[in-house]
Amino acid sequence: MENNLPSSNAGQSLGIIALIFGIIGVLAAFIPCFGFIAVLFGILAIVFGAIALNQAKKENASTSLPKAGLYLGIAATIFVIIWVAIFVGSVGSMALEHKDEIERALDSVKIEKIQTDDSLNVKVQVDSTTIETTVK
């Protein structure tokens, strides 16, 4: 009779590391300014989880920890991608909403170039920026 029980601890330590990185990544994904950190932890969880899963399968060991770390890493990365897409979309739509105001503000900035001669008869060019404001 063949024994199919896990016979090794191969991949378990990397699986625990992947699980920890995955948990940190998922938690950081929901903190607004730490999204890019969550991507880092998510990618590390995916890498360590894949390596641990490969080792565990080769040695007929338990694959639950590596799978959990791998899935959490994937989830953290997907959460961050969704948050970035929402943020970029909302900023883009606000910019399109206020396109005319932005164009008027940029048009009101004039750059004047003034050329003068100094006491040594050397030409000097001065750039001065003026901003026109309108009162409503």
Protein backbone atom coordinates (compact mmCIF):
# COMPACT_ATOMS: atom_id res chain seq x y z
CA MET A 1 0.00 0.00 0.00
CA GLU A 2 1.33 3.43 -0.99
CA ASN A 3 1.65 6.20 1.61
CA ASN A 4 0.52 9.60 0.16
CA LEU A 5 1.00 11.57 3.37
CA PRO A 6 3.37 14.54 3.32
CA SER A 7 6.81 13.21 4.10
CA SER A 8 8.89 16.38 4.10
CA ASN A 9 8.99 19.97 5.29
CA ALA A 10 10.40 21.19 1.98
CA GLY A 11 9.20 24.65 1.05
CA GLN A 12 7.55 25.35 4.39
CA SER A 13 9.95 28.07 5.53
CA LEU A 14 9.69 29.89 2.20
CA GLY A 15 5.93 29.33 2.37
CA ILE A 16 5.80 31.08 5.75
CA ILE A 17 7.86 33.98 4.35
CA ALA A 18 5.51 34.20 1.35
CA LEU A 19 2.51 34.15 3.68
CA ILE A 20 3.93 36.98 5.82
CA PHE A 21 4.76 39.08 2.75
CA GLY A 22 1.30 38.37 1.34
CA ILE A 23 -0.46 39.46 4.53
CA ILE A 24 1.62 42.64 4.75
CA GLY A 25 0.97 43.31 1.07
CA VAL A 26 -2.80 42.92 1.37
CA LEU A 27 -2.91 45.15 4.45
CA ALA A 28 -0.71 47.80 2.83
CA ALA A 29 -2.83 47.74 -0.35
CA PHE A 30 -5.71 49.31 1.54
CA ILE A 31 -3.64 52.13 3.04
CA PRO A 32 -3.85 54.96 0.47
CA CYS A 33 -0.24 56.18 0.35
CA PHE A 34 1.42 52.77 0.73
CA GLY A 35 0.15 51.15 -2.47
CA PHE A 36 3.56 50.91 -4.08
CA ILE A 37 4.95 49.22 -0.99
CA ALA A 38 2.12 46.70 -1.29
CA VAL A 39 3.24 45.93 -4.85
CA LEU A 40 6.73 45.18 -3.56
CA PHE A 41 5.42 42.86 -0.85
CA GLY A 42 2.98 41.27 -3.31
CA ILE A 43 5.70 40.50 -5.82
CA LEU A 44 7.97 39.10 -3.11
CA ALA A 45 5.10 36.92 -1.86
CA ILE A 46 4.49 35.65 -5.39
CA VAL A 47 8.17 34.83 -5.93
CA PHE A 48 8.69 33.11 -2.57
CA GLY A 49 5.33 31.32 -2.85
CA ALA A 50 6.14 29.96 -6.31
CA ILE A 51 9.58 28.76 -5.22
CA ALA A 52 8.15 27.15 -2.07
CA LEU A 53 5.32 25.52 -4.01
CA ASN A 54 7.79 24.06 -6.48
CA GLN A 55 9.97 22.69 -3.66
CA ALA A 56 6.97 21.26 -1.80
CA LYS A 57 5.64 19.49 -4.90
CA LYS A 58 9.06 17.95 -5.65
CA GLU A 59 9.34 16.51 -2.13
CA ASN A 60 5.66 15.55 -1.71
CA ALA A 61 5.26 18.03 1.16
CA SER A 62 2.28 20.11 2.20
CA THR A 63 1.51 22.92 -0.25
CA SER A 64 -0.97 24.88 1.85
CA LEU A 65 1.43 27.57 3.15
CA PRO A 66 3.07 28.26 -0.21
CA LYS A 67 -0.33 28.42 -1.91
CA ALA A 68 -1.69 30.82 0.70
CA GLY A 69 1.33 33.10 0.35
CA LEU A 70 1.12 32.94 -3.43
CA TYR A 71 -2.61 33.76 -3.48
CA LEU A 72 -2.22 36.64 -1.01
CA GLY A 73 0.64 38.07 -3.09
CA ILE A 74 -1.50 37.92 -6.21
CA ALA A 75 -4.42 39.52 -4.35
CA ALA A 76 -2.23 42.36 -3.01
CA THR A 77 -0.86 43.09 -6.48
CA ILE A 78 -4.33 43.07 -8.04
CA PHE A 79 -5.70 45.38 -5.30
CA VAL A 80 -2.95 47.90 -5.98
CA ILE A 81 -3.52 47.76 -9.73
CA ILE A 82 -7.23 48.44 -9.17
CA TRP A 83 -6.50 51.35 -6.79
CA VAL A 84 -4.04 52.90 -9.25
CA ALA A 85 -6.54 52.54 -12.10
CA ILE A 86 -9.25 54.23 -10.02
CA PHE A 87 -6.90 57.05 -8.99
CA VAL A 88 -5.60 57.69 -12.50
CA GLY A 89 -9.12 57.57 -13.90
CA SER A 90 -10.48 60.03 -11.36
CA VAL A 91 -7.58 62.48 -11.84
CA GLY A 92 -7.94 62.21 -15.61
CA SER A 93 -11.66 62.85 -15.52
CA MET A 94 -11.18 65.87 -13.23
CA ALA A 95 -8.55 67.26 -15.62
CA LEU A 96 -10.92 66.84 -18.56
CA GLU A 97 -13.70 68.53 -16.59
CA HIS A 98 -11.56 71.59 -15.93
CA LYS A 99 -9.74 71.62 -19.27
CA ASP A 100 -10.83 75.15 -20.21
CA GLU A 101 -9.77 76.59 -16.86
CA ILE A 102 -6.36 74.92 -17.11
CA GLU A 103 -5.86 76.25 -20.65
CA ARG A 104 -6.81 79.80 -19.57
CA ALA A 105 -4.39 79.62 -16.66
CA LEU A 106 -1.57 78.45 -18.90
CA ASP A 107 -2.36 81.11 -21.52
CA SER A 108 -2.20 83.86 -18.92
CA VAL A 109 1.46 83.17 -18.22
CA LYS A 110 3.63 85.30 -20.50
CA ILE A 111 7.37 85.09 -20.72
CA GLU A 112 9.14 88.31 -21.61
CA LYS A 113 12.72 88.42 -22.77
CA ILE A 114 14.57 91.64 -22.04
CA GLN A 115 17.92 92.32 -23.62
CA THR A 116 20.13 94.93 -22.06
CA ASP A 117 23.72 96.05 -22.32
CA ASP A 118 25.75 96.20 -19.16
CA SER A 119 28.60 98.60 -18.47
CA LEU A 120 31.11 96.37 -20.28
CA ASN A 121 29.00 96.36 -23.48
CA VAL A 122 28.12 92.70 -23.02
CA LYS A 123 24.64 91.69 -24.10
CA VAL A 124 22.62 90.29 -21.20
CA GLN A 125 19.33 88.45 -21.65
CA VAL A 126 16.87 88.37 -18.77
CA ASP A 127 13.78 86.18 -18.75
CA SER A 128 10.92 87.49 -16.67
CA THR A 129 7.68 85.69 -16.17
CA THR A 130 4.53 87.68 -15.61
CA ILE A 131 1.21 86.27 -14.59
CA GLU A 132 -1.95 88.10 -15.46
CA THR A 133 -4.86 87.71 -13.12
CA THR A 134 -8.44 88.59 -13.83
CA VAL A 135 -10.91 89.61 -11.18
CA LYS A 136 -14.45 88.34 -11.60
